Amino acid sequence: RLIAGKAGLSNQISSVHIMFNNESLKLDTKDYLILIPFNLLGNHA
């Protein structure tokens, strides 16, 4: 279910990345679809 960001549905996808830890923040994820457990980095807003 899409929950936000409808205006970006034309964004192109070249690959998929599952985020397991903070190392993902150092990767080049341009045009990647990011999959992530929402509580991975804690529940701080």
ModelCIF file with pLDDT and N, C-alpha, C, O atoms, coordinates in Angstrom:
data_MODEL
#
_entry.id   MODEL 
#
_entity.id                         1 
_entity.type                       polymer 
_entity.pdbx_number_of_molecules   1 
#
_entity_poly.entity_id                      1 
_entity_poly.type                           'polypeptide(L)' 
_entity_poly.nstd_linkage                   no 
_entity_poly.nstd_monomer                   no 
_entity_poly.pdbx_seq_one_letter_code       RLIAGKAGLSNQISSVHIMFNNESLKLDTKDYLILIPFNLLGNHA 
_entity_poly.pdbx_seq_one_letter_code_can   RLIAGKAGLSNQISSVHIMFNNESLKLDTKDYLILIPFNLLGNHA 
_entity_poly.pdbx_strand_id                 A 
#
loop_
_entity_poly_seq.entity_id 
_entity_poly_seq.num 
_entity_poly_seq.mon_id 
_entity_poly_seq.hetero 
1 1  ARG n 
1 2  LEU n 
1 3  ILE n 
1 4  ALA n 
1 5  GLY n 
1 6  LYS n 
1 7  ALA n 
1 8  GLY n 
1 9  LEU n 
1 10 SER n 
1 11 ASN n 
1 12 GLN n 
1 13 ILE n 
1 14 SER n 
1 15 SER n 
1 16 VAL n 
1 17 HIS n 
1 18 ILE n 
1 19 MET n 
1 20 PHE n 
1 21 ASN n 
1 22 ASN n 
1 23 GLU n 
1 24 SER n 
1 25 LEU n 
1 26 LYS n 
1 27 LEU n 
1 28 ASP n 
1 29 THR n 
1 30 LYS n 
1 31 ASP n 
1 32 TYR n 
1 33 LEU n 
1 34 ILE n 
1 35 LEU n 
1 36 ILE n 
1 37 PRO n 
1 38 PHE n 
1 39 ASN n 
1 40 LEU n 
1 41 LEU n 
1 42 GLY n 
1 43 ASN n 
1 44 HIS n 
1 45 ALA n 
#
_struct_asym.id          A 
_struct_asym.entity_id   1 
#
loop_
_ma_qa_metric.id 
_ma_qa_metric.mode 
_ma_qa_metric.name 
_ma_qa_metric.software_group_id 
_ma_qa_metric.type 
1 global pLDDT . pLDDT 
2 local  pLDDT . pLDDT 
#
_ma_qa_metric_global.metric_id      1 
_ma_qa_metric_global.metric_value   84.60 
_ma_qa_metric_global.model_id       1 
_ma_qa_metric_global.ordinal_id     1 
#
loop_
_ma_qa_metric_local.label_asym_id 
_ma_qa_metric_local.label_comp_id 
_ma_qa_metric_local.label_seq_id 
_ma_qa_metric_local.metric_id 
_ma_qa_metric_local.metric_value 
_ma_qa_metric_local.model_id 
_ma_qa_metric_local.ordinal_id 
A ARG 1  2 86.00 1 1  
A LEU 2  2 91.00 1 2  
A ILE 3  2 91.00 1 3  
A ALA 4  2 93.00 1 4  
A GLY 5  2 94.00 1 5  
A LYS 6  2 93.00 1 6  
A ALA 7  2 94.00 1 7  
A GLY 8  2 94.00 1 8  
A LEU 9  2 94.00 1 9  
A SER 10 2 94.00 1 10 
A ASN 11 2 95.00 1 11 
A GLN 12 2 93.00 1 12 
A ILE 13 2 93.00 1 13 
A SER 14 2 91.00 1 14 
A SER 15 2 91.00 1 15 
A VAL 16 2 92.00 1 16 
A HIS 17 2 91.00 1 17 
A ILE 18 2 91.00 1 18 
A MET 19 2 87.00 1 19 
A PHE 20 2 83.00 1 20 
A ASN 21 2 81.00 1 21 
A ASN 22 2 79.00 1 22 
A GLU 23 2 79.00 1 23 
A SER 24 2 78.00 1 24 
A LEU 25 2 82.00 1 25 
A LYS 26 2 85.00 1 26 
A LEU 27 2 85.00 1 27 
A ASP 28 2 88.00 1 28 
A THR 29 2 90.00 1 29 
A LYS 30 2 93.00 1 30 
A ASP 31 2 93.00 1 31 
A TYR 32 2 93.00 1 32 
A LEU 33 2 94.00 1 33 
A ILE 34 2 92.00 1 34 
A LEU 35 2 92.00 1 35 
A ILE 36 2 86.00 1 36 
A PRO 37 2 79.00 1 37 
A PHE 38 2 67.00 1 38 
A ASN 39 2 63.00 1 39 
A LEU 40 2 66.00 1 40 
A LEU 41 2 53.00 1 41 
A GLY 42 2 57.00 1 42 
A ASN 43 2 61.00 1 43 
A HIS 44 2 68.00 1 44 
A ALA 45 2 72.00 1 45 
#
loop_
_atom_site.group_PDB 
_atom_site.id 
_atom_site.type_symbol 
_atom_site.label_atom_id 
_atom_site.label_alt_id 
_atom_site.label_comp_id 
_atom_site.label_asym_id 
_atom_site.label_entity_id 
_atom_site.label_seq_id 
_atom_site.pdbx_PDB_ins_code 
_atom_site.Cartn_x 
_atom_site.Cartn_y 
_atom_site.Cartn_z 
_atom_site.occupancy 
_atom_site.B_iso_or_equiv 
_atom_site.pdbx_formal_charge 
_atom_site.auth_seq_id 
_atom_site.auth_comp_id 
_atom_site.auth_asym_id 
_atom_site.auth_atom_id 
_atom_site.pdbx_PDB_model_num 
ATOM 1   N N  . ARG A 1 1  ? 0.836  -1.205 0.000   1.00 86.00 ? 1  ARG A N  1 
ATOM 2   C CA . ARG A 1 1  ? 0.000  0.000  0.000   1.00 86.00 ? 1  ARG A CA 1 
ATOM 3   C C  . ARG A 1 1  ? 0.870  1.253  0.000   1.00 86.00 ? 1  ARG A C  1 
ATOM 4   O O  . ARG A 1 1  ? 1.721  1.434  0.871   1.00 86.00 ? 1  ARG A O  1 
ATOM 5   N N  . LEU A 1 2  ? 0.642  2.119  -0.996  1.00 91.00 ? 2  LEU A N  1 
ATOM 6   C CA . LEU A 1 2  ? 1.340  3.402  -1.040  1.00 91.00 ? 2  LEU A CA 1 
ATOM 7   C C  . LEU A 1 2  ? 0.780  4.289  0.065   1.00 91.00 ? 2  LEU A C  1 
ATOM 8   O O  . LEU A 1 2  ? -0.434 4.460  0.171   1.00 91.00 ? 2  LEU A O  1 
ATOM 9   N N  . ILE A 1 3  ? 1.659  4.853  0.885   1.00 91.00 ? 3  ILE A N  1 
ATOM 10  C CA . ILE A 1 3  ? 1.188  5.659  2.004   1.00 91.00 ? 3  ILE A CA 1 
ATOM 11  C C  . ILE A 1 3  ? 1.600  7.129  1.903   1.00 91.00 ? 3  ILE A C  1 
ATOM 12  O O  . ILE A 1 3  ? 1.074  7.967  2.634   1.00 91.00 ? 3  ILE A O  1 
ATOM 13  N N  . ALA A 1 4  ? 2.528  7.446  1.012   1.00 93.00 ? 4  ALA A N  1 
ATOM 14  C CA . ALA A 1 4  ? 2.939  8.848  0.846   1.00 93.00 ? 4  ALA A CA 1 
ATOM 15  C C  . ALA A 1 4  ? 3.811  8.964  -0.406  1.00 93.00 ? 4  ALA A C  1 
ATOM 16  O O  . ALA A 1 4  ? 4.304  7.968  -0.935  1.00 93.00 ? 4  ALA A O  1 
ATOM 17  N N  . GLY A 1 5  ? 3.990  10.209 -0.868  1.00 94.00 ? 5  GLY A N  1 
ATOM 18  C CA . GLY A 1 5  ? 4.901  10.476 -1.988  1.00 94.00 ? 5  GLY A CA 1 
ATOM 19  C C  . GLY A 1 5  ? 4.345  10.119 -3.348  1.00 94.00 ? 5  GLY A C  1 
ATOM 20  O O  . GLY A 1 5  ? 5.102  9.728  -4.237  1.00 94.00 ? 5  GLY A O  1 
ATOM 21  N N  . LYS A 1 6  ? 3.055  10.241 -3.531  1.00 93.00 ? 6  LYS A N  1 
ATOM 22  C CA . LYS A 1 6  ? 2.420  9.855  -4.795  1.00 93.00 ? 6  LYS A CA 1 
ATOM 23  C C  . LYS A 1 6  ? 3.010  10.578 -5.997  1.00 93.00 ? 6  LYS A C  1 
ATOM 24  O O  . LYS A 1 6  ? 3.073  10.014 -7.090  1.00 93.00 ? 6  LYS A O  1 
ATOM 25  N N  . ALA A 1 7  ? 3.443  11.820 -5.808  1.00 94.00 ? 7  ALA A N  1 
ATOM 26  C CA . ALA A 1 7  ? 3.975  12.615 -6.923  1.00 94.00 ? 7  ALA A CA 1 
ATOM 27  C C  . ALA A 1 7  ? 5.302  12.074 -7.451  1.00 94.00 ? 7  ALA A C  1 
ATOM 28  O O  . ALA A 1 7  ? 5.761  12.494 -8.513  1.00 94.00 ? 7  ALA A O  1 
ATOM 29  N N  . GLY A 1 8  ? 5.924  11.142 -6.716  1.00 94.00 ? 8  GLY A N  1 
ATOM 30  C CA . GLY A 1 8  ? 7.196  10.595 -7.160  1.00 94.00 ? 8  GLY A CA 1 
ATOM 31  C C  . GLY A 1 8  ? 7.089  9.230  -7.805  1.00 94.00 ? 8  GLY A C  1 
ATOM 32  O O  . GLY A 1 8  ? 8.095  8.537  -7.955  1.00 94.00 ? 8  GLY A O  1 
ATOM 33  N N  . LEU A 1 9  ? 5.886  8.829  -8.190  1.00 94.00 ? 9  LEU A N  1 
ATOM 34  C CA . LEU A 1 9  ? 5.697  7.491  -8.751  1.00 94.00 ? 9  LEU A CA 1 
ATOM 35  C C  . LEU A 1 9  ? 6.351  7.298  -10.120 1.00 94.00 ? 9  LEU A C  1 
ATOM 36  O O  . LEU A 1 9  ? 6.429  6.172  -10.611 1.00 94.00 ? 9  LEU A O  1 
ATOM 37  N N  . SER A 1 10 ? 6.817  8.375  -10.737 1.00 94.00 ? 10 SER A N  1 
ATOM 38  C CA . SER A 1 10 ? 7.513  8.244  -12.019 1.00 94.00 ? 10 SER A CA 1 
ATOM 39  C C  . SER A 1 10 ? 9.021  8.039  -11.824 1.00 94.00 ? 10 SER A C  1 
ATOM 40  O O  . SER A 1 10 ? 9.760  7.945  -12.804 1.00 94.00 ? 10 SER A O  1 
ATOM 41  N N  . ASN A 1 11 ? 9.480  7.970  -10.570 1.00 95.00 ? 11 ASN A N  1 
ATOM 42  C CA . ASN A 1 11 ? 10.909 7.739  -10.298 1.00 95.00 ? 11 ASN A CA 1 
ATOM 43  C C  . ASN A 1 11 ? 11.340 6.401  -10.868 1.00 95.00 ? 11 ASN A C  1 
ATOM 44  O O  . ASN A 1 11 ? 10.661 5.392  -10.673 1.00 95.00 ? 11 ASN A O  1 
ATOM 45  N N  . GLN A 1 12 ? 12.477 6.385  -11.578 1.00 93.00 ? 12 GLN A N  1 
ATOM 46  C CA . GLN A 1 12 ? 12.978 5.167  -12.191 1.00 93.00 ? 12 GLN A CA 1 
ATOM 47  C C  . GLN A 1 12 ? 13.731 4.303  -11.182 1.00 93.00 ? 12 GLN A C  1 
ATOM 48  O O  . GLN A 1 12 ? 14.358 4.810  -10.252 1.00 93.00 ? 12 GLN A O  1 
ATOM 49  N N  . ILE A 1 13 ? 13.654 2.986  -11.388 1.00 93.00 ? 13 ILE A N  1 
ATOM 50  C CA . ILE A 1 13 ? 14.298 2.028  -10.491 1.00 93.00 ? 13 ILE A CA 1 
ATOM 51  C C  . ILE A 1 13 ? 15.296 1.192  -11.290 1.00 93.00 ? 13 ILE A C  1 
ATOM 52  O O  . ILE A 1 13 ? 14.947 0.599  -12.311 1.00 93.00 ? 13 ILE A O  1 
ATOM 53  N N  . SER A 1 14 ? 16.543 1.152  -10.812 1.00 91.00 ? 14 SER A N  1 
ATOM 54  C CA . SER A 1 14 ? 17.565 0.335  -11.473 1.00 91.00 ? 14 SER A CA 1 
ATOM 55  C C  . SER A 1 14 ? 17.894 -0.922 -10.687 1.00 91.00 ? 14 SER A C  1 
ATOM 56  O O  . SER A 1 14 ? 18.396 -1.894 -11.253 1.00 91.00 ? 14 SER A O  1 
ATOM 57  N N  . SER A 1 15 ? 17.613 -0.914 -9.369  1.00 91.00 ? 15 SER A N  1 
ATOM 58  C CA . SER A 1 15 ? 17.898 -2.072 -8.542  1.00 91.00 ? 15 SER A CA 1 
ATOM 59  C C  . SER A 1 15 ? 17.181 -1.929 -7.200  1.00 91.00 ? 15 SER A C  1 
ATOM 60  O O  . SER A 1 15 ? 16.514 -0.927 -6.940  1.00 91.00 ? 15 SER A O  1 
ATOM 61  N N  . VAL A 1 16 ? 17.332 -2.951 -6.354  1.00 92.00 ? 16 VAL A N  1 
ATOM 62  C CA . VAL A 1 16 ? 16.693 -2.964 -5.034  1.00 92.00 ? 16 VAL A CA 1 
ATOM 63  C C  . VAL A 1 16 ? 17.760 -3.199 -3.977  1.00 92.00 ? 16 VAL A C  1 
ATOM 64  O O  . VAL A 1 16 ? 18.670 -4.006 -4.167  1.00 92.00 ? 16 VAL A O  1 
ATOM 65  N N  . HIS A 1 17 ? 17.642 -2.488 -2.863  1.00 91.00 ? 17 HIS A N  1 
ATOM 66  C CA . HIS A 1 17 ? 18.594 -2.648 -1.759  1.00 91.00 ? 17 HIS A CA 1 
ATOM 67  C C  . HIS A 1 17 ? 17.838 -2.818 -0.450  1.00 91.00 ? 17 HIS A C  1 
ATOM 68  O O  . HIS A 1 17 ? 16.957 -2.022 -0.124  1.00 91.00 ? 17 HIS A O  1 
ATOM 69  N N  . ILE A 1 18 ? 18.190 -3.868 0.304   1.00 91.00 ? 18 ILE A N  1 
ATOM 70  C CA . ILE A 1 18 ? 17.627 -4.060 1.641   1.00 91.00 ? 18 ILE A CA 1 
ATOM 71  C C  . ILE A 1 18 ? 18.598 -3.478 2.651   1.00 91.00 ? 18 ILE A C  1 
ATOM 72  O O  . ILE A 1 18 ? 19.770 -3.854 2.688   1.00 91.00 ? 18 ILE A O  1 
ATOM 73  N N  . MET A 1 19 ? 18.108 -2.560 3.471   1.00 87.00 ? 19 MET A N  1 
ATOM 74  C CA . MET A 1 19 ? 18.958 -1.908 4.464   1.00 87.00 ? 19 MET A CA 1 
ATOM 75  C C  . MET A 1 19 ? 18.970 -2.724 5.743   1.00 87.00 ? 19 MET A C  1 
ATOM 76  O O  . MET A 1 19 ? 17.927 -2.957 6.353   1.00 87.00 ? 19 MET A O  1 
ATOM 77  N N  . PHE A 1 20 ? 20.167 -3.159 6.148   1.00 83.00 ? 20 PHE A N  1 
ATOM 78  C CA . PHE A 1 20 ? 20.311 -3.935 7.379   1.00 83.00 ? 20 PHE A CA 1 
ATOM 79  C C  . PHE A 1 20 ? 20.963 -3.128 8.499   1.00 83.00 ? 20 PHE A C  1 
ATOM 80  O O  . PHE A 1 20 ? 20.737 -3.394 9.679   1.00 83.00 ? 20 PHE A O  1 
ATOM 81  N N  . ASN A 1 21 ? 21.782 -2.130 8.114   1.00 81.00 ? 21 ASN A N  1 
ATOM 82  C CA . ASN A 1 21 ? 22.481 -1.332 9.125   1.00 81.00 ? 21 ASN A CA 1 
ATOM 83  C C  . ASN A 1 21 ? 22.877 0.014  8.526   1.00 81.00 ? 21 ASN A C  1 
ATOM 84  O O  . ASN A 1 21 ? 22.521 0.332  7.391   1.00 81.00 ? 21 ASN A O  1 
ATOM 85  N N  . ASN A 1 22 ? 23.615 0.795  9.301   1.00 79.00 ? 22 ASN A N  1 
ATOM 86  C CA . ASN A 1 22 ? 23.992 2.145  8.876   1.00 79.00 ? 22 ASN A CA 1 
ATOM 87  C C  . ASN A 1 22 ? 24.946 2.182  7.695   1.00 79.00 ? 22 ASN A C  1 
ATOM 88  O O  . ASN A 1 22 ? 25.124 3.233  7.080   1.00 79.00 ? 22 ASN A O  1 
ATOM 89  N N  . GLU A 1 23 ? 25.563 1.051  7.366   1.00 79.00 ? 23 GLU A N  1 
ATOM 90  C CA . GLU A 1 23 ? 26.487 1.011  6.234   1.00 79.00 ? 23 GLU A CA 1 
ATOM 91  C C  . GLU A 1 23 ? 25.778 1.359  4.926   1.00 79.00 ? 23 GLU A C  1 
ATOM 92  O O  . GLU A 1 23 ? 26.404 1.838  3.981   1.00 79.00 ? 23 GLU A O  1 
ATOM 93  N N  . SER A 1 24 ? 24.479 1.116  4.878   1.00 78.00 ? 24 SER A N  1 
ATOM 94  C CA . SER A 1 24 ? 23.710 1.422  3.670   1.00 78.00 ? 24 SER A CA 1 
ATOM 95  C C  . SER A 1 24 ? 23.734 2.911  3.358   1.00 78.00 ? 24 SER A C  1 
ATOM 96  O O  . SER A 1 24 ? 23.573 3.309  2.205   1.00 78.00 ? 24 SER A O  1 
ATOM 97  N N  . LEU A 1 25 ? 23.936 3.737  4.386   1.00 82.00 ? 25 LEU A N  1 
ATOM 98  C CA . LEU A 1 25 ? 23.961 5.184  4.187   1.00 82.00 ? 25 LEU A CA 1 
ATOM 99  C C  . LEU A 1 25 ? 25.222 5.632  3.452   1.00 82.00 ? 25 LEU A C  1 
ATOM 100 O O  . LEU A 1 25 ? 25.287 6.761  2.967   1.00 82.00 ? 25 LEU A O  1 
ATOM 101 N N  . LYS A 1 26 ? 26.223 4.756  3.367   1.00 85.00 ? 26 LYS A N  1 
ATOM 102 C CA . LYS A 1 26 ? 27.470 5.093  2.686   1.00 85.00 ? 26 LYS A CA 1 
ATOM 103 C C  . LYS A 1 26 ? 27.471 4.642  1.231   1.00 85.00 ? 26 LYS A C  1 
ATOM 104 O O  . LYS A 1 26 ? 28.387 4.978  0.479   1.00 85.00 ? 26 LYS A O  1 
ATOM 105 N N  . LEU A 1 27 ? 26.458 3.887  0.830   1.00 85.00 ? 27 LEU A N  1 
ATOM 106 C CA . LEU A 1 27 ? 26.414 3.337  -0.521  1.00 85.00 ? 27 LEU A CA 1 
ATOM 107 C C  . LEU A 1 27 ? 25.786 4.316  -1.503  1.00 85.00 ? 27 LEU A C  1 
ATOM 108 O O  . LEU A 1 27 ? 25.020 5.199  -1.119  1.00 85.00 ? 27 LEU A O  1 
ATOM 109 N N  . ASP A 1 28 ? 26.123 4.145  -2.772  1.00 88.00 ? 28 ASP A N  1 
ATOM 110 C CA . ASP A 1 28 ? 25.485 4.916  -3.834  1.00 88.00 ? 28 ASP A CA 1 
ATOM 111 C C  . ASP A 1 28 ? 24.176 4.218  -4.195  1.00 88.00 ? 28 ASP A C  1 
ATOM 112 O O  . ASP A 1 28 ? 24.182 3.202  -4.889  1.00 88.00 ? 28 ASP A O  1 
ATOM 113 N N  . THR A 1 29 ? 23.069 4.759  -3.729  1.00 90.00 ? 29 THR A N  1 
ATOM 114 C CA . THR A 1 29 ? 21.769 4.116  -3.951  1.00 90.00 ? 29 THR A CA 1 
ATOM 115 C C  . THR A 1 29 ? 20.880 4.935  -4.886  1.00 90.00 ? 29 THR A C  1 
ATOM 116 O O  . THR A 1 29 ? 19.654 4.887  -4.786  1.00 90.00 ? 29 THR A O  1 
ATOM 117 N N  . LYS A 1 30 ? 21.503 5.688  -5.793  1.00 93.00 ? 30 LYS A N  1 
ATOM 118 C CA . LYS A 1 30 ? 20.728 6.447  -6.770  1.00 93.00 ? 30 LYS A CA 1 
ATOM 119 C C  . LYS A 1 30 ? 19.893 5.491  -7.620  1.00 93.00 ? 30 LYS A C  1 
ATOM 120 O O  . LYS A 1 30 ? 20.407 4.494  -8.128  1.00 93.00 ? 30 LYS A O  1 
ATOM 121 N N  . ASP A 1 31 ? 18.613 5.796  -7.770  1.00 93.00 ? 31 ASP A N  1 
ATOM 122 C CA . ASP A 1 31 ? 17.650 5.003  -8.541  1.00 93.00 ? 31 ASP A CA 1 
ATOM 123 C C  . ASP A 1 31 ? 17.384 3.631  -7.919  1.00 93.00 ? 31 ASP A C  1 
ATOM 124 O O  . ASP A 1 31 ? 16.834 2.750  -8.579  1.00 93.00 ? 31 ASP A O  1 
ATOM 125 N N  . TYR A 1 32 ? 17.762 3.448  -6.676  1.00 93.00 ? 32 TYR A N  1 
ATOM 126 C CA . TYR A 1 32 ? 17.487 2.186  -5.984  1.00 93.00 ? 32 TYR A CA 1 
ATOM 127 C C  . TYR A 1 32 ? 16.163 2.281  -5.228  1.00 93.00 ? 32 TYR A C  1 
ATOM 128 O O  . TYR A 1 32 ? 15.797 3.336  -4.711  1.00 93.00 ? 32 TYR A O  1 
ATOM 129 N N  . LEU A 1 33 ? 15.466 1.169  -5.177  1.00 94.00 ? 33 LEU A N  1 
ATOM 130 C CA . LEU A 1 33 ? 14.324 1.036  -4.283  1.00 94.00 ? 33 LEU A CA 1 
ATOM 131 C C  . LEU A 1 33 ? 14.866 0.508  -2.957  1.00 94.00 ? 33 LEU A C  1 
ATOM 132 O O  . LEU A 1 33 ? 15.510 -0.541 -2.922  1.00 94.00 ? 33 LEU A O  1 
ATOM 133 N N  . ILE A 1 34 ? 14.613 1.220  -1.884  1.00 92.00 ? 34 ILE A N  1 
ATOM 134 C CA . ILE A 1 34 ? 15.135 0.858  -0.571  1.00 92.00 ? 34 ILE A CA 1 
ATOM 135 C C  . ILE A 1 34 ? 14.056 0.127  0.223   1.00 92.00 ? 34 ILE A C  1 
ATOM 136 O O  . ILE A 1 34 ? 12.933 0.614  0.356   1.00 92.00 ? 34 ILE A O  1 
ATOM 137 N N  . LEU A 1 35 ? 14.404 -1.038 0.746   1.00 92.00 ? 35 LEU A N  1 
ATOM 138 C CA . LEU A 1 35 ? 13.499 -1.812 1.597   1.00 92.00 ? 35 LEU A CA 1 
ATOM 139 C C  . LEU A 1 35 ? 14.083 -1.836 3.005   1.00 92.00 ? 35 LEU A C  1 
ATOM 140 O O  . LEU A 1 35 ? 15.268 -2.113 3.190   1.00 92.00 ? 35 LEU A O  1 
ATOM 141 N N  . ILE A 1 36 ? 13.243 -1.542 3.995   1.00 86.00 ? 36 ILE A N  1 
ATOM 142 C CA . ILE A 1 36 ? 13.776 -1.379 5.336   1.00 86.00 ? 36 ILE A CA 1 
ATOM 143 C C  . ILE A 1 36 ? 12.726 -1.669 6.403   1.00 86.00 ? 36 ILE A C  1 
ATOM 144 O O  . ILE A 1 36 ? 11.579 -1.237 6.282   1.00 86.00 ? 36 ILE A O  1 
ATOM 145 N N  . PRO A 1 37 ? 13.122 -2.410 7.463   1.00 79.00 ? 37 PRO A N  1 
ATOM 146 C CA . PRO A 1 37 ? 12.252 -2.493 8.648   1.00 79.00 ? 37 PRO A CA 1 
ATOM 147 C C  . PRO A 1 37 ? 12.201 -1.098 9.274   1.00 79.00 ? 37 PRO A C  1 
ATOM 148 O O  . PRO A 1 37 ? 13.246 -0.492 9.508   1.00 79.00 ? 37 PRO A O  1 
ATOM 149 N N  . PHE A 1 38 ? 11.034 -0.595 9.542   1.00 67.00 ? 38 PHE A N  1 
ATOM 150 C CA . PHE A 1 38 ? 10.907 0.799  9.933   1.00 67.00 ? 38 PHE A CA 1 
ATOM 151 C C  . PHE A 1 38 ? 11.613 1.104  11.247  1.00 67.00 ? 38 PHE A C  1 
ATOM 152 O O  . PHE A 1 38 ? 12.039 2.239  11.463  1.00 67.00 ? 38 PHE A O  1 
ATOM 153 N N  . ASN A 1 39 ? 11.749 0.101  12.143  1.00 63.00 ? 39 ASN A N  1 
ATOM 154 C CA . ASN A 1 39 ? 12.372 0.359  13.441  1.00 63.00 ? 39 ASN A CA 1 
ATOM 155 C C  . ASN A 1 39 ? 13.873 0.107  13.422  1.00 63.00 ? 39 ASN A C  1 
ATOM 156 O O  . ASN A 1 39 ? 14.491 0.028  14.483  1.00 63.00 ? 39 ASN A O  1 
ATOM 157 N N  . LEU A 1 40 ? 14.471 -0.021 12.247  1.00 66.00 ? 40 LEU A N  1 
ATOM 158 C CA . LEU A 1 40 ? 15.891 -0.340 12.149  1.00 66.00 ? 40 LEU A CA 1 
ATOM 159 C C  . LEU A 1 40 ? 16.754 0.698  12.854  1.00 66.00 ? 40 LEU A C  1 
ATOM 160 O O  . LEU A 1 40 ? 17.700 0.348  13.560  1.00 66.00 ? 40 LEU A O  1 
ATOM 161 N N  . LEU A 1 41 ? 16.429 1.969  12.663  1.00 53.00 ? 41 LEU A N  1 
ATOM 162 C CA . LEU A 1 41 ? 17.208 3.035  13.293  1.00 53.00 ? 41 LEU A CA 1 
ATOM 163 C C  . LEU A 1 41 ? 16.510 3.621  14.506  1.00 53.00 ? 41 LEU A C  1 
ATOM 164 O O  . LEU A 1 41 ? 16.802 4.743  14.922  1.00 53.00 ? 41 LEU A O  1 
ATOM 165 N N  . GLY A 1 42 ? 15.577 2.850  15.077  1.00 57.00 ? 42 GLY A N  1 
ATOM 166 C CA . GLY A 1 42 ? 14.898 3.323  16.273  1.00 57.00 ? 42 GLY A CA 1 
ATOM 167 C C  . GLY A 1 42 ? 13.603 4.031  15.962  1.00 57.00 ? 42 GLY A C  1 
ATOM 168 O O  . GLY A 1 42 ? 13.300 4.299  14.799  1.00 57.00 ? 42 GLY A O  1 
ATOM 169 N N  . ASN A 1 43 ? 12.854 4.330  16.966  1.00 61.00 ? 43 ASN A N  1 
ATOM 170 C CA . ASN A 1 43 ? 11.542 4.944  16.796  1.00 61.00 ? 43 ASN A CA 1 
ATOM 171 C C  . ASN A 1 43 ? 11.556 6.451  17.042  1.00 61.00 ? 43 ASN A C  1 
ATOM 172 O O  . ASN A 1 43 ? 10.510 7.048  17.295  1.00 61.00 ? 43 ASN A O  1 
ATOM 173 N N  . HIS A 1 44 ? 12.730 7.063  16.971  1.00 68.00 ? 44 HIS A N  1 
ATOM 174 C CA . HIS A 1 44 ? 12.820 8.510  17.157  1.00 68.00 ? 44 HIS A CA 1 
ATOM 175 C C  . HIS A 1 44 ? 12.421 9.213  15.864  1.00 68.00 ? 44 HIS A C  1 
ATOM 176 O O  . HIS A 1 44 ? 12.968 8.923  14.800  1.00 68.00 ? 44 HIS A O  1 
ATOM 177 N N  . ALA A 1 45 ? 11.478 10.128 15.957  1.00 72.00 ? 45 ALA A N  1 
ATOM 178 C CA . ALA A 1 45 ? 10.930 10.797 14.779  1.00 72.00 ? 45 ALA A CA 1 
ATOM 179 C C  . ALA A 1 45 ? 12.017 11.505 13.975  1.00 72.00 ? 45 ALA A C  1 
ATOM 180 O O  . ALA A 1 45 ? 11.725 12.119 12.949  1.00 72.00 ? 45 ALA A O  1 
#
